[in-house]
Amino acid sequence: MGSISFWMCLVMTICTWNKTIGCTWMKTLPRSPSMFQVFSNNTITMLKKMGHEVSRGPQITFPDKQYRQVNNFKADEQMAFISHTLNAIKKLYSSGKYESTAWDQKGVYKFMNDLYRQTSELDQCVKAMKSRLSKSVKRVNKKMSLHFKFLKHYLKREDYSASGWEDIRTVVLAHLQRLDTTLSSQ
C-alpha cells in the first residue's frame, strides 16, 4: 500500500513539474539572457551577415498592425505567436533555392539550424501550456500565415532571384527583430 502511494506521488510530481517550472527556454536568469534570446540574437546576426543593403525601396509591406496587437497579448499567447511566426520563417527558408544568391552556404546552414532549434524548443513550450488560444491570437496567426504565403508567392514570382531573396531577407530580419522586442517587453 505504501509503495502505491509513493508511486502515485512520484507520477503526480512528474506530471505537474513541467507546468510549475514553465518554459525554461524563455526564462532568464538575473543578468543573463534566456536561451531563446541567445539564439534570437544569433539568427539576427547571421541574417544581417548573409546579405547586403538593397538600394531600392521596400517591395513588401510589413504587418505592423499584427505586431501591435501582439503587444496586448498575455505572455503565453505571445509565445504561441512567436512560435507560429518562427515556424513560418523556417518554412519559407526551407525551400533551399538560394543558388542565385551570394550567401555563404555555411552561414545559411547555421541560420537554419538555429532557427530549427528555436522552433522545436518553442513548440514544446507551447504544447506544454495546453491552453486554448483566444480568437484574437488565432486571427493574428491567420493574418501572419497569409503574409508568409504572400512572401512565398513573391519569391516564386521573382523566380527565386538574388534580389527577391534580398527582399525576403530584409523582411524576415524585420520580423526577427520585432519578435525579439516582443519577447523583451514581457
C-alpha atoms as a PDB file:
ATOM      1  CA  MET A   1       0.000   0.000   0.000  1.00  0.00           C
ATOM      2  CA  GLY A   2       2.809   2.384   0.911  1.00  0.00           C
ATOM      3  CA  SER A   3       4.614   1.745  -2.376  1.00  0.00           C
ATOM      4  CA  ILE A   4       1.461   2.558  -4.354  1.00  0.00           C
ATOM      5  CA  SER A   5       1.204   5.918  -2.574  1.00  0.00           C
ATOM      6  CA  PHE A   6       4.860   6.599  -3.276  1.00  0.00           C
ATOM      7  CA  TRP A   7       4.481   5.836  -6.984  1.00  0.00           C
ATOM      8  CA  MET A   8       1.276   7.877  -7.243  1.00  0.00           C
ATOM      9  CA  CYS A   9       3.046  10.818  -5.616  1.00  0.00           C
ATOM     10  CA  LEU A  10       6.034  10.422  -7.948  1.00  0.00           C
ATOM     11  CA  VAL A  11       3.811  10.281 -11.062  1.00  0.00           C
ATOM     12  CA  MET A  12       1.851  13.354  -9.940  1.00  0.00           C
ATOM     13  CA  THR A  13       5.079  15.255  -9.285  1.00  0.00           C
ATOM     14  CA  ILE A  14       6.484  14.417 -12.710  1.00  0.00           C
ATOM     15  CA  CYS A  15       3.217  15.306 -14.456  1.00  0.00           C
ATOM     16  CA  THR A  16       2.975  18.720 -12.809  1.00  0.00           C
ATOM     17  CA  TRP A  17       6.698  19.504 -12.847  1.00  0.00           C
ATOM     18  CA  ASN A  18       6.712  20.910 -16.380  1.00  0.00           C
ATOM     19  CA  LYS A  19       3.742  23.154 -15.547  1.00  0.00           C
ATOM     20  CA  THR A  20       5.385  24.563 -12.436  1.00  0.00           C
ATOM     21  CA  ILE A  21       8.783  25.318 -13.963  1.00  0.00           C
ATOM     22  CA  GLY A  22       7.209  26.742 -17.113  1.00  0.00           C
ATOM     23  CA  CYS A  23       9.157  27.184 -20.286  1.00  0.00           C
ATOM     24  CA  THR A  24      12.803  27.207 -19.290  1.00  0.00           C
ATOM     25  CA  TRP A  25      13.794  28.070 -22.880  1.00  0.00           C
ATOM     26  CA  MET A  26      12.232  31.519 -22.405  1.00  0.00           C
ATOM     27  CA  LYS A  27      13.262  32.132 -18.790  1.00  0.00           C
ATOM     28  CA  THR A  28      16.137  34.421 -17.942  1.00  0.00           C
ATOM     29  CA  LEU A  29      18.469  34.264 -15.021  1.00  0.00           C
ATOM     30  CA  PRO A  30      19.486  37.522 -13.349  1.00  0.00           C
ATOM     31  CA  ARG A  31      21.843  39.479 -15.642  1.00  0.00           C
ATOM     32  CA  SER A  32      21.844  36.830 -18.353  1.00  0.00           C
ATOM     33  CA  PRO A  33      19.718  36.276 -21.461  1.00  0.00           C
ATOM     34  CA  SER A  34      17.401  33.310 -21.947  1.00  0.00           C
ATOM     35  CA  MET A  35      18.365  30.597 -24.410  1.00  0.00           C
ATOM     36  CA  PHE A  36      15.702  31.986 -26.734  1.00  0.00           C
ATOM     37  CA  GLN A  37      17.355  35.420 -26.616  1.00  0.00           C
ATOM     38  CA  VAL A  38      20.794  33.916 -27.306  1.00  0.00           C
ATOM     39  CA  PHE A  39      19.533  32.037 -30.366  1.00  0.00           C
ATOM     40  CA  SER A  40      17.418  35.006 -31.443  1.00  0.00           C
ATOM     41  CA  ASN A  41      20.460  37.278 -31.399  1.00  0.00           C
ATOM     42  CA  ASN A  42      22.429  34.648 -33.341  1.00  0.00           C
ATOM     43  CA  THR A  43      19.811  34.343 -36.080  1.00  0.00           C
ATOM     44  CA  ILE A  44      19.523  38.125 -36.390  1.00  0.00           C
ATOM     45  CA  THR A  45      23.309  38.495 -36.641  1.00  0.00           C
ATOM     46  CA  MET A  46      23.625  35.682 -39.196  1.00  0.00           C
ATOM     47  CA  LEU A  47      20.797  37.068 -41.330  1.00  0.00           C
ATOM     48  CA  LYS A  48      22.430  40.512 -41.312  1.00  0.00           C
ATOM     49  CA  LYS A  49      25.742  38.989 -42.443  1.00  0.00           C
ATOM     50  CA  MET A  50      24.124  36.893 -45.185  1.00  0.00           C
ATOM     51  CA  GLY A  51      23.033  39.788 -47.321  1.00  0.00           C
ATOM     52  CA  HIS A  52      23.820  43.316 -48.290  1.00  0.00           C
ATOM     53  CA  GLU A  53      21.993  46.619 -48.284  1.00  0.00           C
ATOM     54  CA  VAL A  54      19.397  46.865 -51.010  1.00  0.00           C
ATOM     55  CA  SER A  55      19.375  50.215 -52.769  1.00  0.00           C
ATOM     56  CA  ARG A  56      15.768  50.067 -53.960  1.00  0.00           C
ATOM     57  CA  GLY A  57      12.786  50.776 -51.748  1.00  0.00           C
ATOM     58  CA  PRO A  58      10.894  48.078 -49.897  1.00  0.00           C
ATOM     59  CA  GLN A  59       8.804  45.890 -52.190  1.00  0.00           C
ATOM     60  CA  ILE A  60       6.908  44.123 -49.408  1.00  0.00           C
ATOM     61  CA  THR A  61       4.699  45.642 -46.750  1.00  0.00           C
ATOM     62  CA  PHE A  62       5.355  44.660 -43.154  1.00  0.00           C
ATOM     63  CA  PRO A  63       2.463  43.516 -40.906  1.00  0.00           C
ATOM     64  CA  ASP A  64       2.913  46.211 -38.233  1.00  0.00           C
ATOM     65  CA  LYS A  65      -0.757  46.012 -37.240  1.00  0.00           C
ATOM     66  CA  GLN A  66      -0.411  42.365 -36.176  1.00  0.00           C
ATOM     67  CA  TYR A  67       2.647  43.137 -34.053  1.00  0.00           C
ATOM     68  CA  ARG A  68       0.825  45.998 -32.324  1.00  0.00           C
ATOM     69  CA  GLN A  69      -1.991  43.579 -31.478  1.00  0.00           C
ATOM     70  CA  VAL A  70       0.501  41.028 -30.114  1.00  0.00           C
ATOM     71  CA  ASN A  71       1.800  43.612 -27.650  1.00  0.00           C
ATOM     72  CA  ASN A  72      -1.589  43.341 -25.886  1.00  0.00           C
ATOM     73  CA  PHE A  73      -1.486  39.537 -25.635  1.00  0.00           C
ATOM     74  CA  LYS A  74      -0.708  37.615 -22.455  1.00  0.00           C
ATOM     75  CA  ALA A  75       2.781  36.077 -22.201  1.00  0.00           C
ATOM     76  CA  ASP A  76       1.662  32.574 -23.230  1.00  0.00           C
ATOM     77  CA  GLU A  77      -0.253  33.989 -26.210  1.00  0.00           C
ATOM     78  CA  GLN A  78       2.827  35.958 -27.251  1.00  0.00           C
ATOM     79  CA  MET A  79       4.876  32.770 -27.019  1.00  0.00           C
ATOM     80  CA  ALA A  80       2.366  30.983 -29.280  1.00  0.00           C
ATOM     81  CA  PHE A  81       2.571  33.879 -31.769  1.00  0.00           C
ATOM     82  CA  ILE A  82       6.382  33.849 -31.729  1.00  0.00           C
ATOM     83  CA  SER A  83       6.390  30.078 -32.284  1.00  0.00           C
ATOM     84  CA  HIS A  84       3.902  30.376 -35.160  1.00  0.00           C
ATOM     85  CA  THR A  85       5.892  33.149 -36.844  1.00  0.00           C
ATOM     86  CA  LEU A  86       9.268  31.423 -36.471  1.00  0.00           C
ATOM     87  CA  ASN A  87       7.783  28.254 -37.958  1.00  0.00           C
ATOM     88  CA  ALA A  88       6.552  30.289 -40.940  1.00  0.00           C
ATOM     89  CA  ILE A  89      10.050  31.763 -41.396  1.00  0.00           C
ATOM     90  CA  LYS A  90      11.594  28.289 -41.196  1.00  0.00           C
ATOM     91  CA  LYS A  91       9.141  27.012 -43.809  1.00  0.00           C
ATOM     92  CA  LEU A  92       9.925  29.946 -46.098  1.00  0.00           C
ATOM     93  CA  TYR A  93      13.669  29.291 -45.963  1.00  0.00           C
ATOM     94  CA  SER A  94      13.353  25.509 -46.191  1.00  0.00           C
ATOM     95  CA  SER A  95      12.867  25.707 -49.977  1.00  0.00           C
ATOM     96  CA  GLY A  96      16.662  25.702 -50.286  1.00  0.00           C
ATOM     97  CA  LYS A  97      16.579  27.606 -53.577  1.00  0.00           C
ATOM     98  CA  TYR A  98      19.379  30.058 -52.766  1.00  0.00           C
ATOM     99  CA  GLU A  99      21.596  29.326 -55.804  1.00  0.00           C
ATOM    100  CA  SER A 100      21.088  32.820 -57.206  1.00  0.00           C
ATOM    101  CA  THR A 101      22.334  34.481 -54.015  1.00  0.00           C
ATOM    102  CA  ALA A 102      25.913  35.147 -52.982  1.00  0.00           C
ATOM    103  CA  TRP A 103      25.136  33.927 -49.474  1.00  0.00           C
ATOM    104  CA  ASP A 104      27.719  31.869 -47.636  1.00  0.00           C
ATOM    105  CA  GLN A 105      26.142  28.407 -47.517  1.00  0.00           C
ATOM    106  CA  LYS A 106      27.722  27.668 -44.117  1.00  0.00           C
ATOM    107  CA  GLY A 107      26.015  30.803 -42.780  1.00  0.00           C
ATOM    108  CA  VAL A 108      22.681  29.715 -44.254  1.00  0.00           C
ATOM    109  CA  TYR A 109      23.132  26.264 -42.724  1.00  0.00           C
ATOM    110  CA  LYS A 110      23.904  27.725 -39.283  1.00  0.00           C
ATOM    111  CA  PHE A 111      20.970  30.152 -39.592  1.00  0.00           C
ATOM    112  CA  MET A 112      18.624  27.266 -40.426  1.00  0.00           C
ATOM    113  CA  ASN A 113      19.960  25.115 -37.575  1.00  0.00           C
ATOM    114  CA  ASP A 114      19.476  27.906 -35.039  1.00  0.00           C
ATOM    115  CA  LEU A 115      16.019  28.645 -36.424  1.00  0.00           C
ATOM    116  CA  TYR A 116      15.146  24.943 -36.197  1.00  0.00           C
ATOM    117  CA  ARG A 117      16.343  24.837 -32.573  1.00  0.00           C
ATOM    118  CA  GLN A 118      14.241  27.881 -31.691  1.00  0.00           C
ATOM    119  CA  THR A 119      11.105  26.469 -33.287  1.00  0.00           C
ATOM    120  CA  SER A 120      11.465  22.998 -31.793  1.00  0.00           C
ATOM    121  CA  GLU A 121      12.029  24.387 -28.268  1.00  0.00           C
ATOM    122  CA  LEU A 122       9.175  26.877 -28.566  1.00  0.00           C
ATOM    123  CA  ASP A 123       6.834  24.246 -29.997  1.00  0.00           C
ATOM    124  CA  GLN A 124       7.491  22.141 -26.892  1.00  0.00           C
ATOM    125  CA  CYS A 125       6.766  25.133 -24.660  1.00  0.00           C
ATOM    126  CA  VAL A 126       3.510  25.906 -26.459  1.00  0.00           C
ATOM    127  CA  LYS A 127       2.471  22.255 -26.355  1.00  0.00           C
ATOM    128  CA  ALA A 128       3.218  22.105 -22.606  1.00  0.00           C
ATOM    129  CA  MET A 129       0.987  25.137 -21.967  1.00  0.00           C
ATOM    130  CA  LYS A 130      -2.050  23.195 -23.185  1.00  0.00           C
ATOM    131  CA  SER A 131      -4.090  26.366 -23.145  1.00  0.00           C
ATOM    132  CA  ARG A 132      -6.572  27.187 -25.839  1.00  0.00           C
ATOM    133  CA  LEU A 133      -5.690  30.165 -27.961  1.00  0.00           C
ATOM    134  CA  SER A 134      -8.069  33.100 -27.926  1.00  0.00           C
ATOM    135  CA  LYS A 135      -9.866  34.182 -31.081  1.00  0.00           C
ATOM    136  CA  SER A 136      -7.659  37.257 -31.352  1.00  0.00           C
ATOM    137  CA  VAL A 137      -4.491  35.110 -31.308  1.00  0.00           C
ATOM    138  CA  LYS A 138      -5.944  32.793 -33.949  1.00  0.00           C
ATOM    139  CA  ARG A 139      -6.931  35.806 -36.066  1.00  0.00           C
ATOM    140  CA  VAL A 140      -3.448  37.354 -35.870  1.00  0.00           C
ATOM    141  CA  ASN A 141      -1.788  33.993 -36.621  1.00  0.00           C
ATOM    142  CA  LYS A 142      -4.076  33.558 -39.633  1.00  0.00           C
ATOM    143  CA  LYS A 143      -3.116  37.004 -40.963  1.00  0.00           C
ATOM    144  CA  MET A 144       0.550  36.187 -40.424  1.00  0.00           C
ATOM    145  CA  SER A 145       0.078  32.920 -42.341  1.00  0.00           C
ATOM    146  CA  LEU A 146      -1.368  34.914 -45.232  1.00  0.00           C
ATOM    147  CA  HIS A 147       1.588  37.320 -45.047  1.00  0.00           C
ATOM    148  CA  PHE A 148       4.076  34.454 -45.291  1.00  0.00           C
ATOM    149  CA  LYS A 149       2.067  32.866 -48.087  1.00  0.00           C
ATOM    150  CA  PHE A 150       2.419  36.176 -49.930  1.00  0.00           C
ATOM    151  CA  LEU A 151       6.195  36.099 -49.294  1.00  0.00           C
ATOM    152  CA  LYS A 152       6.405  32.588 -50.744  1.00  0.00           C
ATOM    153  CA  HIS A 153       4.454  33.657 -53.862  1.00  0.00           C
ATOM    154  CA  TYR A 154       6.629  36.766 -54.122  1.00  0.00           C
ATOM    155  CA  LEU A 155       9.745  34.574 -54.233  1.00  0.00           C
ATOM    156  CA  LYS A 156       8.186  32.391 -56.924  1.00  0.00           C
ATOM    157  CA  ARG A 157       7.169  35.470 -58.929  1.00  0.00           C
ATOM    158  CA  GLU A 158      10.740  36.785 -58.628  1.00  0.00           C
ATOM    159  CA  ASP A 159      11.917  33.322 -59.785  1.00  0.00           C
ATOM    160  CA  TYR A 160      13.998  32.925 -56.594  1.00  0.00           C
ATOM    161  CA  SER A 161      16.334  35.641 -57.844  1.00  0.00           C
ATOM    162  CA  ALA A 162      19.034  37.236 -55.698  1.00  0.00           C
ATOM    163  CA  SER A 163      17.043  40.466 -55.450  1.00  0.00           C
ATOM    164  CA  GLY A 164      13.911  38.520 -54.481  1.00  0.00           C
ATOM    165  CA  TRP A 165      15.802  36.720 -51.733  1.00  0.00           C
ATOM    166  CA  GLU A 166      17.279  40.035 -50.544  1.00  0.00           C
ATOM    167  CA  ASP A 167      13.773  41.469 -50.252  1.00  0.00           C
ATOM    168  CA  ILE A 168      12.712  38.399 -48.268  1.00  0.00           C
ATOM    169  CA  ARG A 169      15.835  38.563 -46.108  1.00  0.00           C
ATOM    170  CA  THR A 170      15.111  42.207 -45.279  1.00  0.00           C
ATOM    171  CA  VAL A 171      11.511  41.464 -44.281  1.00  0.00           C
ATOM    172  CA  VAL A 172      12.478  38.365 -42.280  1.00  0.00           C
ATOM    173  CA  LEU A 173      15.152  40.383 -40.491  1.00  0.00           C
ATOM    174  CA  ALA A 174      12.479  42.899 -39.502  1.00  0.00           C
ATOM    175  CA  HIS A 175      10.314  40.006 -38.260  1.00  0.00           C
ATOM    176  CA  LEU A 176      13.129  38.560 -36.148  1.00  0.00           C
ATOM    177  CA  GLN A 177      13.877  41.963 -34.637  1.00  0.00           C
ATOM    178  CA  ARG A 178      10.204  42.556 -33.806  1.00  0.00           C
ATOM    179  CA  LEU A 179       9.881  39.084 -32.294  1.00  0.00           C
ATOM    180  CA  ASP A 180      12.925  39.786 -30.165  1.00  0.00           C
ATOM    181  CA  THR A 181      11.456  43.064 -28.906  1.00  0.00           C
ATOM    182  CA  THR A 182       8.091  41.353 -28.316  1.00  0.00           C
ATOM    183  CA  LEU A 183       9.828  38.924 -26.008  1.00  0.00           C
ATOM    184  CA  SER A 184      11.756  41.704 -24.288  1.00  0.00           C
ATOM    185  CA  SER A 185       8.509  43.540 -23.491  1.00  0.00           C
ATOM    186  CA  GLN A 186       7.150  40.581 -21.479  1.00  0.00           C
END
